[in-house]
């Protein structure tokens, strides 16, 4: 599946920054405060793509879709566009969440001196129903070198991973003509 790419406009970034100011640091964020705006961008993008409404008071899922499906949005910051051999992750600390499905978003941006400074685009890389994700998820422990990535990324937290190629596109019309 090819990712569905959405430009992160100044308006989207401003909304994400306002959500962070109102709600504070996202719970269950690997990057702590630094990842909150990035996570909110992923949530906003998914709301744009699938409809429904973002929830402000739930620690178990982010988005209530139009059909009543409870979705958790997992966002990952990247300095480069996502590639098919890349992986999506669910942090060990998020195991308490019980959504109906996960949506995965890669948010591309510039990181300087260890801090995200700006974001240029977000890519919806796919979705998986909750149980399907966990049926074949692989644990990658903190400190382990990711052999599947070209940059040999070293994980900073225990995460359960699946490959982008394992994901399905749950967008209407596979995302064609949405934006």
N, C-alpha and C. Protein backbone atom coordinates (compact mmCIF):
# COMPACT_ATOMS: atom_id res chain seq x y z
N UNK A 1 0.84 -1.18 0.00
CA UNK A 1 0.00 0.00 0.00
C UNK A 1 0.89 1.24 0.00
N UNK A 2 0.54 2.19 -0.83
CA UNK A 2 1.26 3.45 -0.84
C UNK A 2 0.68 4.35 0.24
N UNK A 3 1.53 5.10 0.93
CA UNK A 3 0.99 5.99 1.96
C UNK A 3 0.15 7.11 1.35
N UNK A 4 -0.81 7.60 2.11
CA UNK A 4 -1.59 8.76 1.72
C UNK A 4 -0.91 9.95 2.40
N UNK A 5 -0.42 10.88 1.59
CA UNK A 5 0.40 11.98 2.10
C UNK A 5 -0.45 13.24 2.22
N UNK A 6 -0.33 13.90 3.36
CA UNK A 6 -1.06 15.13 3.64
C UNK A 6 -0.06 16.20 4.06
N UNK A 7 -0.15 17.37 3.47
CA UNK A 7 0.71 18.47 3.88
C UNK A 7 0.32 18.92 5.28
N UNK A 8 1.33 19.12 6.13
CA UNK A 8 1.08 19.70 7.45
C UNK A 8 1.16 21.21 7.29
N UNK A 9 0.00 21.81 7.19
CA UNK A 9 -0.08 23.25 6.99
C UNK A 9 0.19 23.99 8.30
N UNK A 10 0.50 25.28 8.22
CA UNK A 10 0.64 26.06 9.46
C UNK A 10 -0.63 25.98 10.33
N UNK A 11 -1.81 25.89 9.68
CA UNK A 11 -3.06 25.79 10.44
C UNK A 11 -3.13 24.49 11.22
N UNK A 12 -2.72 23.37 10.61
CA UNK A 12 -2.74 22.08 11.30
C UNK A 12 -1.76 22.12 12.47
N UNK A 13 -0.58 22.66 12.25
CA UNK A 13 0.41 22.75 13.33
C UNK A 13 -0.10 23.65 14.45
N UNK A 14 -0.77 24.75 14.11
CA UNK A 14 -1.32 25.66 15.12
C UNK A 14 -2.40 24.96 15.95
N UNK A 15 -3.29 24.21 15.29
CA UNK A 15 -4.33 23.47 16.01
C UNK A 15 -3.69 22.46 16.96
N UNK A 16 -2.66 21.76 16.48
CA UNK A 16 -1.96 20.78 17.32
C UNK A 16 -1.32 21.46 18.52
N UNK A 17 -0.71 22.61 18.31
CA UNK A 17 -0.08 23.34 19.42
C UNK A 17 -1.13 23.84 20.42
N UNK A 18 -2.30 24.26 19.91
CA UNK A 18 -3.38 24.67 20.82
C UNK A 18 -3.90 23.49 21.62
N UNK A 19 -4.05 22.32 20.97
CA UNK A 19 -4.49 21.11 21.69
C UNK A 19 -3.49 20.78 22.81
N UNK A 20 -2.21 20.91 22.51
CA UNK A 20 -1.20 20.62 23.52
C UNK A 20 -1.31 21.62 24.67
N UNK A 21 -1.53 22.90 24.35
CA UNK A 21 -1.66 23.91 25.40
C UNK A 21 -2.87 23.63 26.29
N UNK A 22 -3.97 23.15 25.69
CA UNK A 22 -5.19 22.86 26.44
C UNK A 22 -5.10 21.54 27.21
N UNK A 23 -4.56 20.51 26.54
CA UNK A 23 -4.57 19.15 27.12
C UNK A 23 -3.27 18.78 27.79
N UNK A 24 -2.19 19.48 27.45
CA UNK A 24 -0.89 19.14 28.01
C UNK A 24 -0.22 18.01 27.26
N UNK A 25 0.78 17.43 27.91
CA UNK A 25 1.56 16.35 27.32
C UNK A 25 0.66 15.15 27.08
N UNK A 26 0.82 14.54 25.91
CA UNK A 26 0.06 13.34 25.61
C UNK A 26 0.46 12.23 26.58
N UNK A 27 -0.51 11.55 27.15
CA UNK A 27 -0.15 10.39 27.96
C UNK A 27 0.40 9.31 27.04
N UNK A 28 1.28 8.49 27.54
CA UNK A 28 1.83 7.36 26.78
C UNK A 28 2.68 7.79 25.58
N UNK A 29 3.31 8.95 25.66
CA UNK A 29 4.17 9.41 24.58
C UNK A 29 5.62 9.03 24.88
N UNK A 30 6.24 8.30 23.97
CA UNK A 30 7.65 7.91 24.15
C UNK A 30 8.53 9.15 24.23
N UNK A 31 8.22 10.13 23.39
CA UNK A 31 9.05 11.35 23.35
C UNK A 31 8.59 12.38 24.38
N UNK A 32 7.69 11.99 25.27
CA UNK A 32 7.20 12.87 26.34
C UNK A 32 6.64 14.16 25.73
N UNK A 33 6.96 15.29 26.32
CA UNK A 33 6.41 16.56 25.88
C UNK A 33 6.76 16.85 24.42
N UNK A 34 7.96 16.46 24.03
CA UNK A 34 8.44 16.71 22.67
C UNK A 34 7.56 16.03 21.62
N UNK A 35 6.95 14.91 21.95
CA UNK A 35 6.14 14.18 20.99
C UNK A 35 4.68 14.57 20.97
N UNK A 36 4.28 15.46 21.87
CA UNK A 36 2.85 15.79 21.97
C UNK A 36 2.30 16.48 20.74
N UNK A 37 2.98 17.52 20.24
CA UNK A 37 2.50 18.21 19.04
C UNK A 37 2.49 17.24 17.87
N UNK A 38 3.53 16.44 17.75
CA UNK A 38 3.62 15.44 16.70
C UNK A 38 2.43 14.47 16.78
N UNK A 39 2.12 14.00 17.98
CA UNK A 39 0.98 13.09 18.17
C UNK A 39 -0.34 13.75 17.84
N UNK A 40 -0.49 15.00 18.25
CA UNK A 40 -1.73 15.71 17.93
C UNK A 40 -1.86 15.93 16.42
N UNK A 41 -0.76 16.17 15.72
CA UNK A 41 -0.81 16.29 14.26
C UNK A 41 -1.34 15.00 13.66
N UNK A 42 -0.83 13.85 14.11
CA UNK A 42 -1.32 12.57 13.61
C UNK A 42 -2.81 12.39 13.84
N UNK A 43 -3.29 12.78 15.02
CA UNK A 43 -4.72 12.67 15.33
C UNK A 43 -5.56 13.56 14.42
N UNK A 44 -5.10 14.79 14.21
CA UNK A 44 -5.83 15.74 13.36
C UNK A 44 -5.90 15.22 11.93
N UNK A 45 -4.79 14.70 11.44
CA UNK A 45 -4.75 14.16 10.07
C UNK A 45 -5.75 13.02 9.93
N UNK A 46 -5.79 12.12 10.91
CA UNK A 46 -6.72 10.98 10.82
C UNK A 46 -8.17 11.45 10.90
N UNK A 47 -8.45 12.46 11.72
CA UNK A 47 -9.81 13.00 11.76
C UNK A 47 -10.19 13.55 10.39
N UNK A 48 -9.24 14.24 9.71
CA UNK A 48 -9.49 14.76 8.37
C UNK A 48 -9.76 13.64 7.38
N UNK A 49 -9.02 12.53 7.50
CA UNK A 49 -9.12 11.45 6.52
C UNK A 49 -10.33 10.55 6.71
N UNK A 50 -10.70 10.27 7.95
CA UNK A 50 -11.78 9.30 8.18
C UNK A 50 -13.04 9.91 8.76
N UNK A 51 -12.98 11.17 9.18
CA UNK A 51 -14.15 11.78 9.80
C UNK A 51 -14.23 11.40 11.26
N UNK A 52 -15.43 11.48 11.80
CA UNK A 52 -15.58 11.18 13.22
C UNK A 52 -15.18 12.38 14.05
N UNK A 53 -14.85 12.09 15.33
CA UNK A 53 -14.44 13.21 16.19
C UNK A 53 -13.34 12.76 17.14
N UNK A 54 -12.43 13.70 17.38
CA UNK A 54 -11.36 13.46 18.34
C UNK A 54 -11.93 13.55 19.74
N UNK A 55 -11.41 12.70 20.62
CA UNK A 55 -11.87 12.67 22.00
C UNK A 55 -10.84 13.34 22.90
N UNK A 56 -11.29 14.18 23.79
CA UNK A 56 -10.38 14.89 24.68
C UNK A 56 -10.21 14.20 26.02
N UNK A 57 -11.05 13.25 26.33
CA UNK A 57 -11.06 12.71 27.69
C UNK A 57 -10.80 11.21 27.75
N UNK A 58 -10.28 10.64 26.70
CA UNK A 58 -10.08 9.19 26.69
C UNK A 58 -8.59 8.85 26.67
N UNK A 59 -8.19 7.95 27.54
CA UNK A 59 -6.81 7.45 27.52
C UNK A 59 -6.73 6.11 26.79
N UNK A 60 -7.88 5.64 26.29
CA UNK A 60 -7.92 4.34 25.64
C UNK A 60 -8.02 4.42 24.12
N UNK A 61 -8.50 5.54 23.60
CA UNK A 61 -8.53 5.74 22.16
C UNK A 61 -8.68 7.23 21.87
N UNK A 62 -8.29 7.63 20.66
CA UNK A 62 -8.23 9.04 20.29
C UNK A 62 -9.41 9.52 19.47
N UNK A 63 -10.00 8.61 18.69
CA UNK A 63 -10.93 9.02 17.65
C UNK A 63 -12.13 8.10 17.65
N UNK A 64 -13.32 8.70 17.67
CA UNK A 64 -14.54 7.94 17.50
C UNK A 64 -14.97 8.14 16.06
N UNK A 65 -14.91 7.07 15.27
CA UNK A 65 -15.19 7.16 13.85
C UNK A 65 -16.71 7.22 13.61
N UNK A 66 -17.13 7.66 12.41
CA UNK A 66 -18.56 7.82 12.15
C UNK A 66 -19.40 6.56 12.40
N UNK A 67 -18.82 5.38 12.23
CA UNK A 67 -19.56 4.12 12.44
C UNK A 67 -19.49 3.63 13.89
N UNK A 68 -18.88 4.42 14.77
CA UNK A 68 -18.78 4.05 16.18
C UNK A 68 -17.50 3.30 16.54
N UNK A 69 -16.66 3.02 15.56
CA UNK A 69 -15.38 2.35 15.80
C UNK A 69 -14.48 3.25 16.64
N UNK A 70 -13.85 2.66 17.65
CA UNK A 70 -12.93 3.39 18.52
C UNK A 70 -11.51 3.17 18.00
N UNK A 71 -10.86 4.24 17.57
CA UNK A 71 -9.54 4.14 16.95
C UNK A 71 -8.49 4.85 17.79
N UNK A 72 -7.34 4.23 17.89
CA UNK A 72 -6.16 4.83 18.52
C UNK A 72 -5.20 5.22 17.40
N UNK A 73 -4.73 6.45 17.41
CA UNK A 73 -3.81 6.94 16.40
C UNK A 73 -2.40 6.87 16.97
N UNK A 74 -1.51 6.17 16.28
CA UNK A 74 -0.11 6.07 16.69
C UNK A 74 0.72 6.83 15.67
N UNK A 75 1.39 7.87 16.15
CA UNK A 75 2.18 8.74 15.28
C UNK A 75 3.66 8.55 15.57
N UNK A 76 4.45 8.58 14.51
CA UNK A 76 5.90 8.44 14.65
C UNK A 76 6.56 9.55 13.87
N UNK A 77 7.48 10.27 14.50
CA UNK A 77 8.22 11.31 13.83
C UNK A 77 9.37 10.73 13.01
N UNK A 78 9.57 11.31 11.84
CA UNK A 78 10.64 10.86 10.95
C UNK A 78 11.27 12.07 10.28
N UNK A 79 12.53 11.94 9.96
CA UNK A 79 13.21 12.97 9.20
C UNK A 79 13.13 12.74 7.71
N UNK A 80 12.63 11.58 7.30
CA UNK A 80 12.53 11.20 5.89
C UNK A 80 11.15 10.58 5.65
N UNK A 81 10.71 10.51 4.39
CA UNK A 81 9.43 9.86 4.11
C UNK A 81 9.49 8.37 4.49
N UNK A 82 8.36 7.80 4.90
CA UNK A 82 8.35 6.38 5.26
C UNK A 82 8.53 5.49 4.04
N UNK A 83 9.22 4.38 4.24
CA UNK A 83 9.43 3.40 3.17
C UNK A 83 8.74 2.10 3.53
N UNK A 84 8.52 1.25 2.54
CA UNK A 84 7.75 0.02 2.76
C UNK A 84 8.38 -0.92 3.78
N UNK A 85 9.68 -0.92 3.92
CA UNK A 85 10.33 -1.81 4.88
C UNK A 85 10.33 -1.30 6.31
N UNK A 86 9.80 -0.10 6.51
CA UNK A 86 9.76 0.49 7.85
C UNK A 86 8.70 -0.20 8.69
N UNK A 87 8.72 0.15 9.98
CA UNK A 87 7.80 -0.46 10.92
C UNK A 87 6.96 0.58 11.64
N UNK A 88 5.82 0.14 12.14
CA UNK A 88 5.00 0.94 13.05
C UNK A 88 5.16 0.34 14.43
N UNK A 89 4.89 1.16 15.45
CA UNK A 89 5.15 0.73 16.83
C UNK A 89 4.00 1.09 17.75
N UNK A 90 3.82 0.23 18.75
CA UNK A 90 2.97 0.54 19.89
C UNK A 90 3.83 0.34 21.12
N UNK A 91 3.98 1.40 21.90
CA UNK A 91 4.83 1.38 23.10
C UNK A 91 4.25 0.44 24.14
N UNK A 92 5.15 -0.24 24.85
CA UNK A 92 4.76 -1.15 25.94
C UNK A 92 3.82 -0.46 26.93
N UNK A 93 4.06 0.80 27.23
CA UNK A 93 3.24 1.54 28.19
C UNK A 93 1.82 1.80 27.72
N UNK A 94 1.52 1.47 26.46
CA UNK A 94 0.18 1.67 25.92
C UNK A 94 -0.65 0.38 25.90
N UNK A 95 -0.12 -0.67 26.49
CA UNK A 95 -0.82 -1.97 26.45
C UNK A 95 -2.20 -1.93 27.09
N UNK A 96 -2.43 -0.98 28.00
CA UNK A 96 -3.74 -0.90 28.67
C UNK A 96 -4.84 -0.45 27.72
N UNK A 97 -4.48 0.18 26.60
CA UNK A 97 -5.48 0.70 25.67
C UNK A 97 -6.17 -0.46 24.95
N UNK A 98 -7.47 -0.32 24.73
CA UNK A 98 -8.24 -1.36 24.05
C UNK A 98 -9.12 -0.76 22.95
N UNK A 99 -8.48 -0.14 21.94
CA UNK A 99 -9.29 0.40 20.84
C UNK A 99 -9.78 -0.75 19.95
N UNK A 100 -10.67 -0.42 19.05
CA UNK A 100 -11.08 -1.42 18.05
C UNK A 100 -10.00 -1.57 16.98
N UNK A 101 -9.32 -0.47 16.69
CA UNK A 101 -8.24 -0.55 15.69
C UNK A 101 -7.23 0.56 15.91
N UNK A 102 -6.08 0.35 15.29
CA UNK A 102 -5.00 1.34 15.30
C UNK A 102 -4.89 1.96 13.90
N UNK A 103 -4.69 3.28 13.86
CA UNK A 103 -4.29 3.99 12.65
C UNK A 103 -2.85 4.43 12.87
N UNK A 104 -1.99 4.28 11.86
CA UNK A 104 -0.59 4.64 11.99
C UNK A 104 -0.24 5.78 11.03
N UNK A 105 0.42 6.80 11.59
CA UNK A 105 0.78 8.00 10.83
C UNK A 105 2.26 8.30 11.05
N UNK A 106 2.99 8.55 9.97
CA UNK A 106 4.37 9.04 10.06
C UNK A 106 4.33 10.53 9.80
N UNK A 107 4.90 11.30 10.73
CA UNK A 107 4.93 12.75 10.59
C UNK A 107 6.37 13.14 10.28
N UNK A 108 6.55 13.75 9.12
CA UNK A 108 7.89 14.12 8.67
C UNK A 108 8.20 15.54 9.11
N UNK A 109 9.39 15.71 9.66
CA UNK A 109 9.76 17.04 10.12
C UNK A 109 11.25 17.20 10.25
N UNK A 110 11.62 18.35 10.80
CA UNK A 110 13.02 18.67 11.03
C UNK A 110 13.29 18.64 12.52
N UNK A 111 14.30 17.88 12.89
CA UNK A 111 14.69 17.78 14.29
C UNK A 111 16.08 18.38 14.42
N UNK A 112 16.20 19.37 15.28
CA UNK A 112 17.48 20.02 15.50
C UNK A 112 17.78 20.01 16.99
N UNK A 113 19.00 19.63 17.29
CA UNK A 113 19.44 19.58 18.69
C UNK A 113 18.49 18.75 19.56
N UNK A 114 17.97 17.66 18.95
CA UNK A 114 17.11 16.75 19.69
C UNK A 114 15.68 17.21 19.87
N UNK A 115 15.29 18.31 19.23
CA UNK A 115 13.92 18.82 19.36
C UNK A 115 13.29 18.98 17.97
N UNK A 116 12.01 18.59 17.87
CA UNK A 116 11.28 18.81 16.62
C UNK A 116 11.02 20.30 16.48
N UNK A 117 11.41 20.87 15.32
CA UNK A 117 11.23 22.30 15.09
C UNK A 117 10.07 22.61 14.16
N UNK A 118 9.88 21.77 13.16
CA UNK A 118 8.81 22.02 12.20
C UNK A 118 8.40 20.69 11.57
N UNK A 119 7.22 20.70 10.98
CA UNK A 119 6.68 19.50 10.34
C UNK A 119 6.23 19.88 8.94
N UNK A 120 6.49 19.01 7.97
CA UNK A 120 6.16 19.35 6.59
C UNK A 120 5.02 18.52 6.03
N UNK A 121 4.98 17.24 6.36
CA UNK A 121 3.89 16.41 5.86
C UNK A 121 3.68 15.21 6.77
N UNK A 122 2.51 14.63 6.62
CA UNK A 122 2.18 13.44 7.38
C UNK A 122 1.73 12.38 6.39
N UNK A 123 2.08 11.14 6.68
CA UNK A 123 1.71 10.03 5.81
C UNK A 123 0.90 9.02 6.60
N UNK A 124 -0.33 8.78 6.14
CA UNK A 124 -1.11 7.67 6.67
C UNK A 124 -0.51 6.42 6.06
N UNK A 125 0.08 5.56 6.90
CA UNK A 125 0.75 4.36 6.36
C UNK A 125 -0.10 3.11 6.49
N UNK A 126 -1.24 3.20 7.22
CA UNK A 126 -2.15 2.07 7.27
C UNK A 126 -2.78 1.88 8.63
N UNK A 127 -3.58 0.84 8.72
CA UNK A 127 -4.33 0.53 9.93
C UNK A 127 -4.34 -0.98 10.15
N UNK A 128 -4.61 -1.36 11.37
CA UNK A 128 -4.84 -2.77 11.71
C UNK A 128 -5.84 -2.84 12.86
N UNK A 129 -6.76 -3.81 12.79
CA UNK A 129 -7.61 -4.05 13.95
C UNK A 129 -6.73 -4.41 15.16
N UNK A 130 -7.21 -4.05 16.33
CA UNK A 130 -6.46 -4.24 17.57
C UNK A 130 -5.89 -5.66 17.69
N UNK A 131 -6.73 -6.68 17.62
CA UNK A 131 -6.26 -8.05 17.86
C UNK A 131 -5.31 -8.51 16.77
N UNK A 132 -5.55 -8.07 15.54
CA UNK A 132 -4.66 -8.45 14.44
C UNK A 132 -3.26 -7.86 14.65
N UNK A 133 -3.19 -6.64 15.18
CA UNK A 133 -1.88 -6.07 15.47
C UNK A 133 -1.14 -6.96 16.47
N UNK A 134 -1.81 -7.30 17.58
CA UNK A 134 -1.15 -8.02 18.66
C UNK A 134 -0.88 -9.49 18.33
N UNK A 135 -1.64 -10.07 17.42
CA UNK A 135 -1.44 -11.48 17.07
C UNK A 135 -0.03 -11.75 16.56
N UNK A 136 0.55 -10.79 15.84
CA UNK A 136 1.87 -11.02 15.25
C UNK A 136 2.87 -9.91 15.55
N UNK A 137 2.59 -9.11 16.56
CA UNK A 137 3.52 -8.04 16.93
C UNK A 137 4.81 -8.63 17.50
N UNK A 138 5.92 -7.97 17.18
CA UNK A 138 7.24 -8.40 17.66
C UNK A 138 7.76 -7.37 18.66
N UNK A 139 8.25 -7.84 19.80
CA UNK A 139 8.81 -6.94 20.80
C UNK A 139 10.21 -6.51 20.37
N UNK A 140 10.41 -5.19 20.37
CA UNK A 140 11.75 -4.61 20.18
C UNK A 140 12.08 -3.88 21.46
N UNK A 141 13.09 -4.35 22.14
CA UNK A 141 13.43 -3.78 23.44
C UNK A 141 14.26 -2.52 23.30
N UNK A 142 14.12 -1.65 24.29
CA UNK A 142 14.91 -0.41 24.33
C UNK A 142 16.38 -0.76 24.22
N UNK A 143 17.10 0.00 23.41
CA UNK A 143 18.53 -0.23 23.22
C UNK A 143 18.86 -1.17 22.08
N UNK A 144 17.86 -1.88 21.56
CA UNK A 144 18.11 -2.80 20.44
C UNK A 144 18.26 -2.02 19.14
N UNK A 145 19.16 -2.46 18.29
CA UNK A 145 19.36 -1.84 16.99
C UNK A 145 18.33 -2.40 16.03
N UNK A 146 17.64 -1.50 15.33
CA UNK A 146 16.62 -1.90 14.35
C UNK A 146 17.32 -2.32 13.07
N UNK A 147 17.38 -3.61 12.84
CA UNK A 147 18.07 -4.14 11.65
C UNK A 147 17.29 -3.88 10.37
N UNK A 148 15.99 -3.55 10.50
CA UNK A 148 15.17 -3.36 9.30
C UNK A 148 15.32 -1.96 8.72
N UNK A 149 15.93 -1.03 9.45
CA UNK A 149 16.05 0.33 8.94
C UNK A 149 17.45 0.58 8.41
N UNK A 150 17.52 1.45 7.42
CA UNK A 150 18.82 1.74 6.81
C UNK A 150 19.71 2.54 7.75
N UNK A 151 19.11 3.26 8.70
CA UNK A 151 19.93 4.07 9.60
C UNK A 151 20.27 3.34 10.90
N UNK A 152 19.86 2.08 11.02
CA UNK A 152 20.14 1.25 12.20
C UNK A 152 19.73 1.97 13.49
N UNK A 153 18.49 2.43 13.49
CA UNK A 153 17.92 3.17 14.62
C UNK A 153 18.00 2.34 15.90
N UNK A 154 18.36 2.99 16.99
CA UNK A 154 18.40 2.34 18.30
C UNK A 154 17.15 2.78 19.06
N UNK A 155 16.31 1.81 19.43
CA UNK A 155 15.06 2.10 20.12
C UNK A 155 15.30 2.69 21.50
N UNK A 156 14.43 3.61 21.90
CA UNK A 156 14.56 4.26 23.20
C UNK A 156 13.57 3.71 24.22
N UNK A 157 12.65 2.84 23.78
CA UNK A 157 11.64 2.28 24.67
C UNK A 157 11.24 0.90 24.16
N UNK A 158 10.73 0.06 25.04
CA UNK A 158 10.20 -1.23 24.62
C UNK A 158 8.94 -1.00 23.80
N UNK A 159 8.94 -1.51 22.57
CA UNK A 159 7.81 -1.32 21.66
C UNK A 159 7.49 -2.63 20.95
N UNK A 160 6.23 -2.74 20.56
CA UNK A 160 5.79 -3.87 19.74
C UNK A 160 5.61 -3.34 18.33
N UNK A 161 6.18 -4.04 17.37
CA UNK A 161 6.25 -3.54 16.00
C UNK A 161 5.59 -4.48 14.99
N UNK A 162 5.13 -3.87 13.91
CA UNK A 162 4.69 -4.57 12.70
C UNK A 162 5.24 -3.79 11.51
N UNK A 163 5.45 -4.48 10.40
CA UNK A 163 5.94 -3.83 9.19
C UNK A 163 4.81 -3.07 8.50
N UNK A 164 5.18 -2.00 7.80
CA UNK A 164 4.20 -1.25 7.00
C UNK A 164 3.47 -2.18 6.05
N UNK A 165 4.17 -3.17 5.51
CA UNK A 165 3.55 -4.09 4.55
C UNK A 165 2.47 -4.96 5.19
N UNK A 166 2.40 -5.02 6.51
CA UNK A 166 1.36 -5.79 7.21
C UNK A 166 0.04 -5.01 7.31
N UNK A 167 0.09 -3.72 7.05
CA UNK A 167 -1.06 -2.85 7.30
C UNK A 167 -2.04 -2.85 6.14
N UNK A 168 -3.27 -2.46 6.44
CA UNK A 168 -4.28 -2.32 5.38
C UNK A 168 -4.74 -0.87 5.32
N UNK A 169 -5.30 -0.50 4.20
CA UNK A 169 -5.81 0.85 3.99
C UNK A 169 -7.30 0.82 4.30
N UNK A 170 -7.71 1.51 5.35
CA UNK A 170 -9.11 1.55 5.74
C UNK A 170 -9.77 2.88 5.39
N UNK A 171 -9.15 3.64 4.51
CA UNK A 171 -9.73 4.91 4.11
C UNK A 171 -10.78 4.69 3.02
N UNK A 172 -11.80 5.54 2.99
CA UNK A 172 -12.77 5.45 1.88
C UNK A 172 -12.05 5.59 0.55
N UNK A 173 -12.37 4.72 -0.41
CA UNK A 173 -11.75 4.73 -1.75
C UNK A 173 -10.24 4.68 -1.67
N UNK A 174 -9.69 3.99 -0.67
CA UNK A 174 -8.25 3.89 -0.45
C UNK A 174 -7.57 5.26 -0.34
N UNK A 175 -8.34 6.26 0.04
CA UNK A 175 -7.79 7.59 0.24
C UNK A 175 -7.77 8.46 -1.01
N UNK A 176 -8.22 7.91 -2.16
CA UNK A 176 -8.19 8.68 -3.40
C UNK A 176 -9.26 9.77 -3.37
N UNK A 177 -8.84 10.98 -3.66
CA UNK A 177 -9.78 12.09 -3.75
C UNK A 177 -10.26 12.63 -2.41
N UNK A 178 -9.61 12.23 -1.30
CA UNK A 178 -10.06 12.71 0.00
C UNK A 178 -9.66 14.15 0.26
N UNK A 179 -8.48 14.52 -0.19
CA UNK A 179 -7.99 15.87 0.13
C UNK A 179 -7.69 16.63 -1.15
